Structure formats: C-alpha cells, structure tokens
Protein backbone atom coordinates (compact mmCIF):
# COMPACT_ATOMS: atom_id res chain seq x y z
CA MET A 1 0.00 0.00 0.00
CA PHE A 2 2.87 2.37 0.74
CA PHE A 3 4.21 1.91 -2.80
CA GLU A 4 0.83 2.85 -4.26
CA ASP A 5 0.66 5.87 -1.98
CA LEU A 6 4.13 6.88 -3.17
CA LEU A 7 3.25 6.43 -6.86
CA ALA A 8 0.20 8.65 -6.47
CA ALA A 9 2.33 11.24 -4.67
CA ILE A 10 4.95 11.23 -7.43
CA ALA A 11 2.25 11.63 -10.10
CA VAL A 12 0.91 14.74 -8.36
CA VAL A 13 4.46 16.09 -7.94
CA ILE A 14 4.93 15.79 -11.71
CA ASN A 15 1.62 17.58 -12.10
CA GLY A 16 2.88 20.43 -9.92
CA LEU A 17 6.34 20.95 -11.44
CA PRO A 18 5.22 22.85 -14.57
CA GLN A 19 3.00 25.05 -12.43
CA GLY A 20 6.05 25.69 -10.27
CA LEU A 21 7.76 26.98 -13.40
CA LEU A 22 4.73 29.17 -14.00
CA SER A 23 5.16 30.56 -10.48
CA LEU A 24 8.84 31.20 -11.18
CA SER A 25 7.98 33.07 -14.37
CA TYR A 26 5.99 35.60 -12.31
CA GLY A 27 8.96 36.25 -10.01
CA PHE A 28 8.03 34.01 -7.08
CA GLY A 29 11.01 32.22 -5.56
CA LEU A 30 10.78 28.43 -5.52
CA PHE A 31 13.29 27.89 -2.69
CA PRO A 32 11.20 29.89 -0.16
CA THR A 33 7.99 28.26 -1.44
CA SER A 34 9.27 25.06 0.17
CA LEU A 35 8.17 26.56 3.50
CA GLY A 36 4.59 26.60 2.25
CA PHE A 37 4.76 22.87 1.53
CA VAL A 38 6.21 22.24 5.00
CA ALA A 39 3.21 24.09 6.47
CA GLY A 40 0.95 21.85 4.38
CA VAL A 41 2.64 18.70 5.71
CA ILE A 42 2.14 19.87 9.30
CA GLY A 43 -1.48 20.84 8.57
CA MET A 44 -2.37 17.45 7.12
CA LEU A 45 -0.63 15.65 9.97
CA VAL A 46 -2.48 17.66 12.61
CA PHE A 47 -5.95 17.73 11.01
CA GLN A 48 -5.79 14.41 9.09
CA GLN A 49 -7.45 15.92 6.00
CA VAL A 50 -7.25 14.22 2.59
CA ALA A 51 -6.73 17.50 0.70
CA PRO A 52 -3.08 18.58 0.26
CA ILE A 53 -1.87 21.95 -1.00
CA SER A 54 0.41 22.63 -3.94
CA PHE A 55 1.02 25.02 -6.82
CA GLN A 56 -2.34 26.12 -8.19
CA ALA A 57 -2.39 27.72 -11.64
CA GLU A 58 -5.39 29.93 -10.88
CA SER A 59 -3.79 31.60 -7.85
CA ILE A 60 -0.41 31.98 -9.54
CA VAL A 61 -1.91 33.64 -12.60
CA MET A 62 -4.23 35.81 -10.50
CA ALA A 63 -1.46 37.12 -8.23
CA GLY A 64 0.90 37.46 -11.18
CA VAL A 65 -1.56 39.49 -13.24
CA LEU A 66 -2.85 41.73 -10.45
CA GLY A 67 0.56 42.60 -9.01
CA LYS A 68 2.39 45.28 -10.98
CA ASN A 69 5.77 44.05 -9.76
CA ARG A 70 7.28 41.22 -7.73
CA ASN A 71 6.91 42.93 -4.37
CA GLU A 72 3.25 43.70 -4.97
CA ARG A 73 2.65 40.06 -5.90
CA LEU A 74 4.34 38.83 -2.74
CA ASN A 75 2.29 41.22 -0.60
CA ILE A 76 -0.93 40.10 -2.28
CA VAL A 77 -0.13 36.44 -1.55
CA PHE A 78 1.01 37.19 2.01
CA PHE A 79 -2.06 39.20 3.03
CA THR A 80 -4.32 36.70 1.28
CA GLY A 81 -2.74 33.94 3.35
CA VAL A 82 -3.20 35.85 6.59
CA ILE A 83 -6.86 36.60 5.85
CA MET A 84 -7.62 33.04 4.74
CA ALA A 85 -5.90 31.59 7.82
CA ILE A 86 -8.09 33.81 10.03
CA VAL A 87 -11.22 32.88 8.07
CA GLY A 88 -10.41 29.18 8.35
CA GLY A 89 -9.29 29.39 11.97
CA LEU A 90 -12.52 31.09 13.02
CA GLY A 91 -14.64 28.72 10.94
CA LEU A 92 -16.09 31.56 8.87
CA LEU A 93 -15.84 30.04 5.40
CA ASN A 94 -19.25 28.38 5.35
CA ALA A 95 -20.90 31.61 6.52
CA THR A 96 -19.06 33.55 3.81
CA ILE A 97 -20.23 31.13 1.14
CA GLU A 98 -23.82 31.40 2.32
CA PHE A 99 -23.62 35.19 2.07
CA ILE A 100 -22.19 35.18 -1.48
CA GLY A 101 -24.52 32.50 -2.80
CA PRO A 102 -23.87 29.73 -5.36
CA ALA A 103 -24.67 31.84 -8.42
CA ILE A 104 -21.94 34.37 -7.62
CA LEU A 105 -19.46 31.77 -6.35
CA ASN A 106 -19.73 29.60 -9.44
CA GLY A 107 -19.82 32.65 -11.68
CA MET A 108 -16.48 33.81 -10.28
CA MET A 109 -14.93 30.41 -10.89
CA ALA A 110 -16.28 30.40 -14.45
CA GLY A 111 -14.74 33.82 -15.01
CA VAL A 112 -11.40 32.56 -13.69
CA GLY A 113 -11.67 29.71 -16.18
CA ILE A 114 -11.85 32.26 -18.99
CA MET A 115 -8.80 34.05 -17.58
CA LEU A 116 -6.79 30.80 -17.52
CA ALA A 117 -7.77 29.93 -21.08
CA LYS A 118 -6.84 33.42 -22.25
CA THR A 119 -3.43 33.12 -20.56
CA GLY A 120 -2.81 29.90 -22.46
CA ILE A 121 -3.68 31.57 -25.77
CA VAL A 122 -1.41 34.54 -24.99
CA MET A 123 1.44 32.10 -24.32
CA ILE A 124 0.95 30.55 -27.76
CA LYS A 125 1.38 33.99 -29.31
CA GLU A 126 4.62 34.39 -27.33
CA ASN A 127 6.07 31.10 -28.54
CA LYS A 128 4.10 29.53 -31.37
CA ILE A 129 6.08 26.30 -31.49
CA ALA A 130 6.19 25.38 -27.79
CA GLY A 131 2.78 26.86 -27.04
CA GLY A 132 1.12 25.40 -30.11
CA ILE A 133 2.50 21.89 -29.52
CA SER A 134 1.47 22.14 -25.87
CA MET A 135 -2.08 23.14 -26.82
CA ALA A 136 -2.53 20.40 -29.42
CA THR A 137 -1.07 17.73 -27.13
CA ALA A 138 -3.08 18.79 -24.09
CA ILE A 139 -6.42 18.71 -25.91
CA LEU A 140 -5.65 15.37 -27.56
CA VAL A 141 -4.36 13.64 -24.41
CA TYR A 142 -7.13 15.02 -22.22
CA PHE A 143 -9.83 13.36 -24.29
CA LEU A 144 -7.89 10.19 -25.15
CA SER A 145 -7.03 9.65 -21.48
CA ASN A 146 -10.67 9.95 -20.44
CA TYR A 147 -10.23 13.43 -18.95
CA ASN A 148 -7.11 12.71 -16.89
CA LEU A 149 -5.49 16.03 -16.00
CA ILE A 150 -2.26 14.43 -14.76
CA TYR A 151 -1.65 12.71 -18.10
CA THR A 152 -2.65 15.92 -19.86
CA ILE A 153 -0.13 18.17 -18.12
CA VAL A 154 2.72 15.64 -18.17
CA ALA A 155 2.31 14.81 -21.86
CA SER A 156 1.80 18.39 -23.06
CA VAL A 157 4.76 19.76 -21.09
CA PHE A 158 7.08 16.88 -22.02
CA ILE A 159 6.31 16.84 -25.75
CA SER A 160 6.32 20.63 -26.19
CA THR A 161 9.61 20.85 -24.27
CA ILE A 162 11.27 18.16 -26.41
CA VAL A 163 10.16 19.92 -29.60
CA HIS A 164 11.32 23.27 -28.19
CA ILE A 165 14.78 21.89 -27.36
CA LEU A 166 15.15 20.25 -30.77
CA VAL A 167 14.16 23.44 -32.57
CA LYS A 168 16.44 25.55 -30.36
CA ASN A 169 19.43 23.28 -30.96
CA THR A 170 18.76 23.34 -34.70
CA HIS A 171 18.43 27.11 -34.86
CA LYS A 172 20.68 28.34 -32.08
CA ASN A 173 20.92 31.81 -33.56
CA SER A 174 17.21 32.13 -34.29
CA PRO A 175 15.43 35.18 -32.84
CA LYS A 176 12.89 32.74 -31.36
CA ASP A 177 15.46 31.88 -28.73
CA GLU A 178 14.48 35.07 -26.95
CA ASN A 179 11.28 33.28 -25.92
CA SER A 180 13.13 30.53 -24.12
CA SER A 181 12.76 30.26 -20.37
CA GLU A 182 16.40 30.80 -19.53
CA ASN A 183 16.17 34.36 -20.86
CA LYS A 184 12.89 35.11 -19.13
CA LEU A 185 13.20 33.50 -15.72
CA ASP A 186 14.91 35.37 -12.90
CA LEU A 187 16.71 32.95 -10.57
CA SER A 188 18.18 35.64 -8.32
CA HIS A 189 15.43 35.18 -5.74
CA GLU A 190 16.20 31.54 -4.91
CA LYS A 191 16.87 32.39 -1.29
CA PHE A 192 14.99 33.58 1.79
CA GLU A 193 14.21 37.30 1.45
CA PRO A 194 12.02 38.99 4.13
CA LEU A 195 8.97 40.72 2.68
CA LYS A 196 8.92 44.49 2.19
CA PHE A 197 5.37 45.43 3.16
CA ASP A 198 3.25 47.36 0.69
CA PHE A 199 -0.22 48.69 1.55
CA SER A 200 -0.93 50.37 -1.79
CA PRO A 201 -4.48 50.40 -3.23
CA ASN A 202 -3.46 47.90 -5.89
CA VAL A 203 -2.19 45.46 -3.25
CA ILE A 204 -5.44 45.84 -1.29
CA ARG A 205 -7.54 45.25 -4.38
CA GLY A 206 -5.38 42.32 -5.46
CA THR A 207 -5.63 40.78 -1.99
CA LEU A 208 -9.41 41.06 -2.00
CA ALA A 209 -9.51 39.48 -5.46
CA LEU A 210 -7.27 36.57 -4.47
CA VAL A 211 -9.19 36.03 -1.21
CA THR A 212 -12.39 35.87 -3.22
CA LEU A 213 -10.85 33.36 -5.61
CA GLN A 214 -9.55 31.21 -2.74
CA ILE A 215 -12.95 31.09 -1.07
CA GLY A 216 -14.32 29.42 -4.18
CA GLY A 217 -11.21 27.38 -4.96
CA ASN A 218 -10.81 25.92 -1.47
CA ILE A 219 -14.42 24.77 -1.35
CA ALA A 220 -14.52 23.42 -4.91
CA TYR A 221 -11.11 21.73 -5.06
CA ALA A 222 -11.13 20.36 -1.52
CA SER A 223 -14.62 18.97 -2.04
CA VAL A 224 -13.65 17.24 -5.28
CA THR A 225 -10.55 15.75 -3.64
CA GLY A 226 -12.70 14.57 -0.75
CA SER A 227 -15.18 12.91 -3.10
CA ILE A 228 -12.35 11.05 -4.86
CA ALA A 229 -11.11 9.77 -1.49
CA ASN A 230 -14.70 9.06 -0.39
CA ALA A 231 -13.98 11.08 2.73
CA ALA A 232 -15.50 14.13 4.37
CA VAL A 233 -13.40 17.30 4.30
CA ASP A 234 -13.35 20.24 6.66
CA VAL A 235 -12.90 23.22 4.34
CA ASP A 236 -12.14 25.58 7.22
CA LYS A 237 -9.21 23.44 8.43
CA ILE A 238 -7.85 23.14 4.89
CA THR A 239 -8.20 26.90 4.51
CA LEU A 240 -6.30 27.39 7.76
CA TYR A 241 -3.18 25.46 6.74
CA SER A 242 -3.26 26.63 3.13
CA GLY A 243 -3.47 30.23 4.38
CA ILE A 244 -0.54 29.71 6.73
CA GLY A 245 1.36 28.12 3.84
CA ASP A 246 0.72 31.17 1.66
CA ALA A 247 1.74 33.64 4.35
CA VAL A 248 4.96 31.83 5.31
CA SER A 249 5.95 31.25 1.70
CA ALA A 250 5.32 34.82 0.52
CA PHE A 251 6.92 36.42 3.59
CA PHE A 252 10.24 34.88 2.55
CA GLY A 253 9.78 35.47 -1.21
CA GLY A 254 7.80 32.40 -2.30
CA GLY A 255 4.59 31.90 -4.24
CA PRO A 256 1.08 30.72 -3.40
CA VAL A 257 0.30 27.13 -2.41
CA GLU A 258 -3.38 26.29 -2.38
CA ALA A 259 -5.87 23.44 -2.24
CA ILE A 260 -5.83 21.43 -5.46
CA ILE A 261 -7.74 18.59 -7.06
CA SER A 262 -5.21 15.94 -6.01
CA GLY A 263 -4.68 12.46 -7.39
CA THR A 264 -3.36 11.46 -3.98
CA ALA A 265 -7.01 11.13 -2.97
CA ALA A 266 -7.19 7.95 -5.07
CA ALA A 267 -4.35 6.31 -3.09
CA PRO A 268 -5.04 3.56 -0.52
CA ASN A 269 -4.08 6.01 2.23
CA PRO A 270 -4.89 9.49 0.85
CA VAL A 271 -3.62 11.35 3.91
CA ARG A 272 -0.24 9.62 3.83
CA SER A 273 0.00 10.03 0.06
CA GLY A 274 -0.77 13.76 0.30
CA ILE A 275 1.86 14.22 2.99
CA LEU A 276 4.42 12.34 0.87
CA MET A 277 3.61 14.54 -2.13
CA MET A 278 4.17 17.78 -0.25
CA ALA A 279 7.32 16.45 1.44
CA ILE A 280 8.81 15.42 -1.92
CA MET A 281 7.94 18.81 -3.41
CA ALA A 282 9.53 20.61 -0.46
CA VAL A 283 12.76 18.65 -0.92
CA ILE A 284 12.82 19.34 -4.66
CA LEU A 285 12.49 23.07 -4.01
CA LEU A 286 15.01 23.12 -1.16
CA ILE A 287 17.74 21.44 -3.22
CA LYS A 288 16.91 23.79 -6.12
CA ILE A 289 16.35 21.19 -8.84
CA LEU A 290 13.30 22.89 -10.34
CA PRO A 291 15.08 26.14 -11.34
CA LYS A 292 17.61 23.99 -13.25
CA ILE A 293 14.76 22.31 -15.07
CA ALA A 294 13.46 25.78 -15.91
CA LYS A 295 16.54 26.39 -18.06
CA HIS A 296 15.31 23.77 -20.49
CA VAL A 297 11.53 24.01 -20.17
CA PRO A 298 9.87 26.99 -21.91
CA ASN A 299 7.24 28.91 -19.95
CA GLN A 300 4.81 28.29 -22.77
CA SER A 301 4.93 24.50 -22.30
CA ILE A 302 2.08 24.88 -19.81
CA ALA A 303 -0.13 26.80 -22.27
CA GLY A 304 -2.14 23.73 -23.27
CA PHE A 305 -2.83 22.72 -19.70
CA LEU A 306 -3.98 26.24 -18.79
CA PHE A 307 -6.36 26.24 -21.75
CA VAL A 308 -7.78 22.79 -20.96
CA LEU A 309 -8.07 23.61 -17.25
CA GLY A 310 -9.77 26.93 -17.91
CA ALA A 311 -11.92 26.33 -20.99
CA ILE A 312 -12.82 22.66 -20.57
CA VAL A 313 -12.57 21.84 -16.85
CA VAL A 314 -13.24 24.98 -14.80
CA PHE A 315 -15.54 27.06 -17.03
CA PRO A 316 -18.30 24.68 -18.23
CA ASP A 317 -19.42 23.13 -14.92
CA ASN A 318 -19.19 26.39 -12.99
CA ALA A 319 -20.93 28.39 -15.70
CA LEU A 320 -23.75 25.84 -15.88
CA ALA A 321 -24.18 25.77 -12.11
CA SER A 322 -24.21 29.55 -11.95
CA ILE A 323 -26.65 30.02 -14.83
CA THR A 324 -28.96 27.35 -13.44
CA GLU A 325 -29.11 29.24 -10.15
CA SER A 326 -29.61 32.73 -11.63
CA PRO A 327 -28.85 33.56 -15.29
CA LEU A 328 -28.63 37.32 -14.78
CA VAL A 329 -26.34 37.12 -11.76
CA ALA A 330 -24.27 34.45 -13.49
CA GLY A 331 -23.75 36.55 -16.61
CA ALA A 332 -22.70 39.66 -14.72
CA THR A 333 -20.39 37.83 -12.33
CA THR A 334 -18.70 35.68 -14.96
CA ILE A 335 -18.09 38.41 -17.52
CA VAL A 336 -16.92 41.05 -15.04
CA THR A 337 -14.60 38.52 -13.36
CA ALA A 338 -13.13 37.51 -16.72
CA VAL A 339 -12.28 41.07 -17.73
CA THR A 340 -11.27 42.37 -14.28
CA ASP A 341 -10.88 40.08 -11.25
CA PRO A 342 -13.05 37.92 -8.92
CA PHE A 343 -13.54 40.65 -6.33
CA ILE A 344 -14.98 43.12 -8.83
CA GLY A 345 -16.95 40.22 -10.31
CA MET A 346 -18.39 39.43 -6.89
CA ILE A 347 -19.42 43.06 -6.37
CA ALA A 348 -21.10 43.10 -9.79
CA GLY A 349 -22.90 39.87 -8.97
CA LEU A 350 -24.11 41.18 -5.61
CA ILE A 351 -25.42 44.38 -7.23
CA VAL A 352 -27.34 42.43 -9.90
CA LYS A 353 -28.58 39.99 -7.26
CA PHE A 354 -29.93 42.93 -5.25
CA PHE A 355 -31.85 44.37 -8.19
CA VAL A 356 -33.14 40.97 -9.26
CA GLY A 357 -34.53 40.51 -5.76
CA LEU A 358 -36.49 43.80 -5.81
C-alpha cells in the first residue's frame, strides 16, 4: 500500500512541477515556497485531512496578473494567506459562502476559467512552437485519457519541451530563442528574502480578489478531492493550513500554495500520500532542482494545460451551475470577473442579485 501511496504522490508532484515553473515566471522564488509545503505537511498531519496543498495555476496567474511588480505580488499572496488563515481558523468560510450564494461563487470560478484559457492563448502567441504543440497535445491527451489532467499536463509539457529543445538546438541563432525560459526566468530570488510590506491600493484590491478566488477554490477543489477519497473534508481546516502556507511562503519570497484537485485522494491512504507529495515537493524546491529544469523548459509549455483547465474543466461546470441558479447574476459575475478580477466580479454579482430581488 505504501508503494501505491508513493506512486500517487509522485504523479501529483509531476503535475505540480510545470506550475512551479509558472510561479517562477511571475517572479516568485521556488526555494522559499518550500516553507509553504512544509506548512501543508504539518497541517495534514495535525488535522488528518485528505486535501493537500500545492502550486495552483489559478492563484499563480491571479497574483501574477494583479501585481504590478514582484513585491506587490508577494504582498498580495502574504495578506491573502493571513486573511484566509483567520477565516479558516474562526470557521467563517461556510458563513461567507452562504452570504455570497452559489450563483456568484460559481460565476467567479467560471470567469477565472476564462482568464486561464486566455493566458494559455497569450502564451501561444509568445512562442508559437512550444505553445502550439502544448495546446494540441493537451487537448488530444485530455480526451484520449478519459479526462485525466495528470496525463494531460505531463504529456503536453514533455512533448512541447522536447520539440522546443530540438528546434532551439537546430536554430541556435534564431530570434525565437528570446522566448526561451532561460532568458525570461529570474533565478536571483532563490533564497529567503524577508517581505517588504506594501499597503498600496493595488495590493489591497489584489488581496481582496485573491481572497475571493480562494474562497471558491478551497471549497470546490477540496470537495472534489474529498469525493475522490470518499472522505468528508473540513474546508475551514484546509483553509487554515493553506493560508498559513501562503503567508509563510510569501513572507520569505515564495509563491502561493493552495488546495488542489489531487490524485493522492485515489491512493489507498490518501492522507499519507498527500503528505508524501508535499514532502517530496519541499525537498525538490530546497535542493533547487526545479530552477535547473526551468533552463530547459519553456514557460509556454504549460499553455495547453492552462487552456484545458480553464476552458474545458473549470468554465463549463461552474458556468452551468451559476446560470442554473440565476442567469442574470451568473452573466454579470462571470463576464466582469473575466475582464477584471473575482472581487470586482463578486461586487457586480451582488449588485445584480440585489436588483433581481427587488
């Protein structure tokens, strides 16, 4: 049984590595992010939950887009972690969800799905070869593997990276080399760097947006993981240790680590498998293997996975659930979220919900 737990853990680690590269591309240090995984290990040990935390594309993209520079992004993740830890520690998440309502909650998630898909398309424009191969492979593998996201991300990243390396070695002097990850990724932050606090309006807005996203993400992803493991989950406890993980990671220069839909839930012992996954990831980050991989893996290798995750996995179910609950609220929340952020989307949804109720 331990071997099966370990295999499931390794599969989820592979799933998280490309998203770690995505985090690195936005300026988050991977070495300090190891502290977030350590917090996750302690949280799962203490609370015996089946839902681990790891790199989550939605949070990485959200913090990366909303922060104008690296320090703003770190502050957004740090304050989000503090707020979410308080919300989880006080057991306020269920009350928050009841106040927002399912139409707005699902609408925000659907809007985030659009944002993820758009990011994938933008990456293809940045590097047509790596991004295009990643997109084609991800869509093909996702459907051929009966909707297996682990196979999808591993295959799309691996194949697009191989093609990228072959093309780069064939055309070493090609201008397309400027799109390669070694020219874009900054590895100077692979160390512990105390946070420089920033309370600017953009940081406040970004924090509110990321908090809003995490409210939906923690409930949705933790619940799905729990259903795979056939086990009940306490979303508030998961929110507590994921929030602490965020705060500790970002305070020292690392990126967000959030609840994910984890294949470790299918292991014979999902709690042990989840702990193994986070421990392995922490070691990988501490010995700085992932930044070395980044020298050979283009940022755009994850484009296909982002598109599949956003357009095919996240958007349809959440959009349908939101529209079924309230079409008008769903439309306003989803569209405003997609073009701005989840916090503004939530406000738009609440305003429409108020007028619909008159």
